[in-house]
Structures are given as structure tokens and as C-alpha cells.
Amino acid sequence: MKSSIFTTATALRSAGGNASKAGEIGSSAPRVIAERMMLATRAMIDPKNADHAEFARMIPEKTKAFSLAGLSWLRSSARIGARINTDLATEAISLAEAMVAISACKSVVGIMEIQSRFATAWFSRAVVRASTLGSLATASQSAALRPIHRTVTGNARRLGV
């Protein structure tokens, strides 16, 4: 199992990058929209000289960016679900092993020792698993943001806004 320090650091770095990308999307998108509204206004006045290439890319680029984001989210959800299922199966086995060990005990002290070892080991695994799931979740968010961020910031650069 990975170190919880490693996965926590990974999750924090990823979360910071995600916040930065979301901020760039939030600042670029309104400028792109405003510029495209100006292009649309000019197109109504002078349709022949409108930027038809820009209008032609609007819907396909959004469809592609959001489809890629959704696809990455589905893949990440499958990975996270598989990880949770594996962890649940591992815990069921661990619980069964503890029950077998407890059933073989001849004293209350022996039972308490096994319960204490089981609880301590479970808590350690739970901390690592929570951190790992946090890392997987922030990585999932990062993957989903990537195509949207690339599209919005690319539009802002191309339109000079």
C-alpha cells in the first residue's frame, strides 16, 4: 500500500493545479464569450465578411472538450470504483481472519489482543486508503479539467483576449 504522506502530497499538488486551471477557465471564458459576441454583432452587420471559421469551430470544440472531460471522468470513476471494491474485499478477508483467530482464543485477554491488533491495523489501512482515494479524486478532476482548460485558454490566445 502506498504511503499516505506520498498520496496526500500528490492530492494537494493536484488540487492546487486544479484550482489554478479553474481560475484560468473562469477568467478566460468570459473574455472569449465577449469577443465572440462582438464577432456575432459584426456578422449581423456585415455577414459576408464574418469570421465563419470561428463560428464553425464553436460547437465542435465545446462538444469535443466536454466529451473528453466526461470520458475521463468515466474512466476515473471506474478506477476509483475498482479500488473501493478491492479494498472492501480485502477488509472482508481481514475481518474473517480476525473472527477465525478470535474463535480459537482460550481467554478474554487473547480476544482483546486480537481485537486490538485488528483495530490498529484497520485504522492504519483506513488512513492510507482515504488519502489514496483523495489523490485519485483530485487526479480525476485534473483529467476532466484538462480538455476544457486547453480549449478555453486556446480560444483566448487565438482571439487575443
C-alpha atoms as a PDB file:
ATOM      1  CA  MET A   1       0.000   0.000   0.000  1.00  0.00           C
ATOM      2  CA  LYS A   2       1.301   3.494  -0.830  1.00  0.00           C
ATOM      3  CA  SER A   3       2.471   5.833   1.871  1.00  0.00           C
ATOM      4  CA  SER A   4      -0.256   8.215   2.987  1.00  0.00           C
ATOM      5  CA  ILE A   5       2.275  11.075   3.022  1.00  0.00           C
ATOM      6  CA  PHE A   6       3.026  10.486  -0.660  1.00  0.00           C
ATOM      7  CA  THR A   7      -0.625  10.327  -1.658  1.00  0.00           C
ATOM      8  CA  THR A   8      -1.562  13.340   0.468  1.00  0.00           C
ATOM      9  CA  ALA A   9       1.208  15.400  -1.134  1.00  0.00           C
ATOM     10  CA  THR A  10       0.074  14.215  -4.563  1.00  0.00           C
ATOM     11  CA  ALA A  11      -3.529  15.138  -3.800  1.00  0.00           C
ATOM     12  CA  LEU A  12      -2.538  18.590  -2.535  1.00  0.00           C
ATOM     13  CA  ARG A  13      -0.396  19.313  -5.612  1.00  0.00           C
ATOM     14  CA  SER A  14      -3.172  18.137  -7.882  1.00  0.00           C
ATOM     15  CA  ALA A  15      -5.789  20.175  -6.026  1.00  0.00           C
ATOM     16  CA  GLY A  16      -3.628  23.295  -6.335  1.00  0.00           C
ATOM     17  CA  GLY A  17      -3.189  22.739 -10.057  1.00  0.00           C
ATOM     18  CA  ASN A  18      -6.920  22.156 -10.422  1.00  0.00           C
ATOM     19  CA  ALA A  19      -7.703  25.417  -8.640  1.00  0.00           C
ATOM     20  CA  SER A  20      -5.289  27.255 -10.900  1.00  0.00           C
ATOM     21  CA  LYS A  21      -6.824  25.740 -14.044  1.00  0.00           C
ATOM     22  CA  ALA A  22     -10.333  26.508 -12.832  1.00  0.00           C
ATOM     23  CA  GLY A  23      -9.276  30.108 -12.211  1.00  0.00           C
ATOM     24  CA  GLU A  24      -7.837  30.387 -15.722  1.00  0.00           C
ATOM     25  CA  ILE A  25     -11.040  28.935 -17.176  1.00  0.00           C
ATOM     26  CA  GLY A  26     -13.074  31.368 -15.084  1.00  0.00           C
ATOM     27  CA  SER A  27     -11.097  34.362 -16.278  1.00  0.00           C
ATOM     28  CA  SER A  28     -10.672  33.305 -19.927  1.00  0.00           C
ATOM     29  CA  ALA A  29     -14.186  32.083 -20.713  1.00  0.00           C
ATOM     30  CA  PRO A  30     -15.962  35.445 -20.210  1.00  0.00           C
ATOM     31  CA  ARG A  31     -13.385  37.197 -22.413  1.00  0.00           C
ATOM     32  CA  VAL A  32     -13.811  34.572 -25.150  1.00  0.00           C
ATOM     33  CA  ILE A  33     -17.601  34.850 -24.916  1.00  0.00           C
ATOM     34  CA  ALA A  34     -17.469  38.654 -25.089  1.00  0.00           C
ATOM     35  CA  GLU A  35     -15.169  38.539 -28.124  1.00  0.00           C
ATOM     36  CA  ARG A  36     -17.398  36.034 -29.872  1.00  0.00           C
ATOM     37  CA  MET A  37     -20.436  38.190 -29.146  1.00  0.00           C
ATOM     38  CA  MET A  38     -18.627  41.072 -30.816  1.00  0.00           C
ATOM     39  CA  LEU A  39     -17.884  38.819 -33.803  1.00  0.00           C
ATOM     40  CA  ALA A  40     -21.562  37.879 -33.940  1.00  0.00           C
ATOM     41  CA  THR A  41     -22.586  41.542 -33.822  1.00  0.00           C
ATOM     42  CA  ARG A  42     -20.199  42.347 -36.656  1.00  0.00           C
ATOM     43  CA  ALA A  43     -21.515  39.332 -38.599  1.00  0.00           C
ATOM     44  CA  MET A  44     -25.067  40.658 -38.346  1.00  0.00           C
ATOM     45  CA  ILE A  45     -23.919  43.994 -39.743  1.00  0.00           C
ATOM     46  CA  ASP A  46     -21.668  42.511 -42.439  1.00  0.00           C
ATOM     47  CA  PRO A  47     -22.438  38.785 -42.932  1.00  0.00           C
ATOM     48  CA  LYS A  48     -20.209  38.465 -45.991  1.00  0.00           C
ATOM     49  CA  ASN A  49     -17.064  39.405 -44.032  1.00  0.00           C
ATOM     50  CA  ALA A  50     -17.951  37.469 -40.869  1.00  0.00           C
ATOM     51  CA  ASP A  51     -15.398  35.155 -39.285  1.00  0.00           C
ATOM     52  CA  HIS A  52     -17.121  31.975 -40.482  1.00  0.00           C
ATOM     53  CA  ALA A  53     -14.193  29.806 -39.391  1.00  0.00           C
ATOM     54  CA  GLU A  54     -14.598  30.988 -35.796  1.00  0.00           C
ATOM     55  CA  PHE A  55     -18.342  30.323 -35.850  1.00  0.00           C
ATOM     56  CA  ALA A  56     -17.771  26.880 -37.387  1.00  0.00           C
ATOM     57  CA  ARG A  57     -15.456  25.799 -34.555  1.00  0.00           C
ATOM     58  CA  MET A  58     -17.637  26.911 -31.628  1.00  0.00           C
ATOM     59  CA  ILE A  59     -19.953  23.899 -31.262  1.00  0.00           C
ATOM     60  CA  PRO A  60     -17.495  21.153 -32.303  1.00  0.00           C
ATOM     61  CA  GLU A  61     -14.788  22.400 -29.934  1.00  0.00           C
ATOM     62  CA  LYS A  62     -17.175  22.518 -26.985  1.00  0.00           C
ATOM     63  CA  THR A  63     -18.575  19.103 -27.839  1.00  0.00           C
ATOM     64  CA  LYS A  64     -15.076  17.645 -28.043  1.00  0.00           C
ATOM     65  CA  ALA A  65     -13.827  19.289 -24.839  1.00  0.00           C
ATOM     66  CA  PHE A  66     -16.822  18.252 -22.751  1.00  0.00           C
ATOM     67  CA  SER A  67     -16.916  14.764 -24.285  1.00  0.00           C
ATOM     68  CA  LEU A  68     -13.248  14.255 -23.411  1.00  0.00           C
ATOM     69  CA  ALA A  69     -13.884  15.594 -19.910  1.00  0.00           C
ATOM     70  CA  GLY A  70     -16.832  13.233 -19.457  1.00  0.00           C
ATOM     71  CA  LEU A  71     -14.877  10.287 -20.806  1.00  0.00           C
ATOM     72  CA  SER A  72     -12.005  10.964 -18.418  1.00  0.00           C
ATOM     73  CA  TRP A  73     -14.488  11.192 -15.548  1.00  0.00           C
ATOM     74  CA  LEU A  74     -15.997   7.819 -16.513  1.00  0.00           C
ATOM     75  CA  ARG A  75     -12.556   6.200 -16.664  1.00  0.00           C
ATOM     76  CA  SER A  76     -11.595   7.692 -13.322  1.00  0.00           C
ATOM     77  CA  SER A  77     -14.864   6.598 -11.754  1.00  0.00           C
ATOM     78  CA  ALA A  78     -14.221   3.041 -12.921  1.00  0.00           C
ATOM     79  CA  ARG A  79     -10.707   3.115 -11.401  1.00  0.00           C
ATOM     80  CA  ILE A  80     -11.980   4.548  -8.131  1.00  0.00           C
ATOM     81  CA  GLY A  81     -14.833   2.027  -8.004  1.00  0.00           C
ATOM     82  CA  ALA A  82     -12.444  -0.857  -8.659  1.00  0.00           C
ATOM     83  CA  ARG A  83     -10.140   0.416  -5.908  1.00  0.00           C
ATOM     84  CA  ILE A  84     -13.028   0.656  -3.440  1.00  0.00           C
ATOM     85  CA  ASN A  85     -14.226  -2.852  -4.346  1.00  0.00           C
ATOM     86  CA  THR A  86     -10.719  -4.265  -3.884  1.00  0.00           C
ATOM     87  CA  ASP A  87     -10.379  -2.502  -0.536  1.00  0.00           C
ATOM     88  CA  LEU A  88     -13.781  -3.802   0.607  1.00  0.00           C
ATOM     89  CA  ALA A  89     -12.869  -7.375  -0.366  1.00  0.00           C
ATOM     90  CA  THR A  90      -9.531  -7.058   1.451  1.00  0.00           C
ATOM     91  CA  GLU A  91     -11.295  -5.803   4.566  1.00  0.00           C
ATOM     92  CA  ALA A  92     -13.840  -8.636   4.424  1.00  0.00           C
ATOM     93  CA  ILE A  93     -10.951 -11.135   4.327  1.00  0.00           C
ATOM     94  CA  SER A  94      -9.211  -9.341   7.191  1.00  0.00           C
ATOM     95  CA  LEU A  95     -12.397  -9.417   9.256  1.00  0.00           C
ATOM     96  CA  ALA A  96     -12.894 -13.115   8.543  1.00  0.00           C
ATOM     97  CA  GLU A  97      -9.282 -13.806   9.605  1.00  0.00           C
ATOM     98  CA  ALA A  98      -9.829 -11.868  12.825  1.00  0.00           C
ATOM     99  CA  MET A  99     -13.040 -13.811  13.529  1.00  0.00           C
ATOM    100  CA  VAL A 100     -11.246 -17.138  12.969  1.00  0.00           C
ATOM    101  CA  ALA A 101      -8.420 -16.046  15.275  1.00  0.00           C
ATOM    102  CA  ILE A 102     -10.872 -14.874  17.931  1.00  0.00           C
ATOM    103  CA  SER A 103     -12.834 -18.108  17.749  1.00  0.00           C
ATOM    104  CA  ALA A 104      -9.631 -20.048  18.544  1.00  0.00           C
ATOM    105  CA  CYS A 105      -8.846 -17.931  21.618  1.00  0.00           C
ATOM    106  CA  LYS A 106      -8.907 -19.574  25.020  1.00  0.00           C
ATOM    107  CA  SER A 107      -9.048 -16.354  27.052  1.00  0.00           C
ATOM    108  CA  VAL A 108     -10.634 -12.944  27.136  1.00  0.00           C
ATOM    109  CA  VAL A 109      -7.163 -11.388  27.127  1.00  0.00           C
ATOM    110  CA  GLY A 110      -6.357 -13.242  23.895  1.00  0.00           C
ATOM    111  CA  ILE A 111      -9.579 -11.979  22.334  1.00  0.00           C
ATOM    112  CA  MET A 112      -8.763  -8.418  23.386  1.00  0.00           C
ATOM    113  CA  GLU A 113      -5.258  -8.694  21.943  1.00  0.00           C
ATOM    114  CA  ILE A 114      -6.594  -9.862  18.588  1.00  0.00           C
ATOM    115  CA  GLN A 115      -9.265  -7.150  18.551  1.00  0.00           C
ATOM    116  CA  SER A 116      -6.660  -4.516  19.386  1.00  0.00           C
ATOM    117  CA  ARG A 117      -4.294  -5.701  16.614  1.00  0.00           C
ATOM    118  CA  PHE A 118      -7.185  -5.865  14.150  1.00  0.00           C
ATOM    119  CA  ALA A 119      -8.440  -2.362  15.036  1.00  0.00           C
ATOM    120  CA  THR A 120      -4.948  -0.822  14.894  1.00  0.00           C
ATOM    121  CA  ALA A 121      -4.179  -2.416  11.528  1.00  0.00           C
ATOM    122  CA  TRP A 122      -7.599  -1.415  10.174  1.00  0.00           C
ATOM    123  CA  PHE A 123      -7.130   2.210  11.237  1.00  0.00           C
ATOM    124  CA  SER A 124      -3.731   2.378   9.546  1.00  0.00           C
ATOM    125  CA  ARG A 125      -5.171   0.963   6.317  1.00  0.00           C
ATOM    126  CA  ALA A 126      -8.154   3.320   6.521  1.00  0.00           C
ATOM    127  CA  VAL A 127      -5.921   6.403   6.739  1.00  0.00           C
ATOM    128  CA  VAL A 128      -3.851   5.308   3.735  1.00  0.00           C
ATOM    129  CA  ARG A 129      -6.970   4.404   1.749  1.00  0.00           C
ATOM    130  CA  ALA A 130      -8.668   7.731   2.450  1.00  0.00           C
ATOM    131  CA  SER A 131      -5.563   9.572   1.299  1.00  0.00           C
ATOM    132  CA  THR A 132      -5.285   7.377  -1.791  1.00  0.00           C
ATOM    133  CA  LEU A 133      -8.922   7.962  -2.702  1.00  0.00           C
ATOM    134  CA  GLY A 134      -8.350  11.704  -2.274  1.00  0.00           C
ATOM    135  CA  SER A 135      -5.440  11.502  -4.691  1.00  0.00           C
ATOM    136  CA  LEU A 136      -7.497   9.520  -7.180  1.00  0.00           C
ATOM    137  CA  ALA A 137     -10.348  12.031  -6.920  1.00  0.00           C
ATOM    138  CA  THR A 138      -8.135  15.065  -7.498  1.00  0.00           C
ATOM    139  CA  ALA A 139      -6.374  13.294 -10.373  1.00  0.00           C
ATOM    140  CA  SER A 140      -9.809  12.589 -11.844  1.00  0.00           C
ATOM    141  CA  GLN A 141     -10.751  16.245 -11.544  1.00  0.00           C
ATOM    142  CA  SER A 142      -7.474  17.253 -13.154  1.00  0.00           C
ATOM    143  CA  ALA A 143      -8.053  14.930 -16.111  1.00  0.00           C
ATOM    144  CA  ALA A 144     -11.595  16.257 -16.569  1.00  0.00           C
ATOM    145  CA  LEU A 145     -10.455  19.893 -16.425  1.00  0.00           C
ATOM    146  CA  ARG A 146      -7.592  19.400 -18.894  1.00  0.00           C
ATOM    147  CA  PRO A 147      -9.542  19.410 -22.210  1.00  0.00           C
ATOM    148  CA  ILE A 148     -11.819  22.254 -21.108  1.00  0.00           C
ATOM    149  CA  HIS A 149      -8.866  24.329 -19.905  1.00  0.00           C
ATOM    150  CA  ARG A 150      -6.947  23.651 -23.125  1.00  0.00           C
ATOM    151  CA  THR A 151      -9.943  24.707 -25.262  1.00  0.00           C
ATOM    152  CA  VAL A 152     -10.827  27.865 -23.329  1.00  0.00           C
ATOM    153  CA  THR A 153      -7.281  29.148 -22.949  1.00  0.00           C
ATOM    154  CA  GLY A 154      -6.517  28.225 -26.576  1.00  0.00           C
ATOM    155  CA  ASN A 155      -9.510  30.273 -27.692  1.00  0.00           C
ATOM    156  CA  ALA A 156      -8.383  33.209 -25.567  1.00  0.00           C
ATOM    157  CA  ARG A 157      -4.906  33.111 -27.109  1.00  0.00           C
ATOM    158  CA  ARG A 158      -6.208  32.721 -30.673  1.00  0.00           C
ATOM    159  CA  LEU A 159      -8.721  35.551 -30.232  1.00  0.00           C
ATOM    160  CA  GLY A 160      -6.151  37.744 -28.499  1.00  0.00           C
ATOM    161  CA  VAL A 161      -8.255  38.333 -25.385  1.00  0.00           C
END
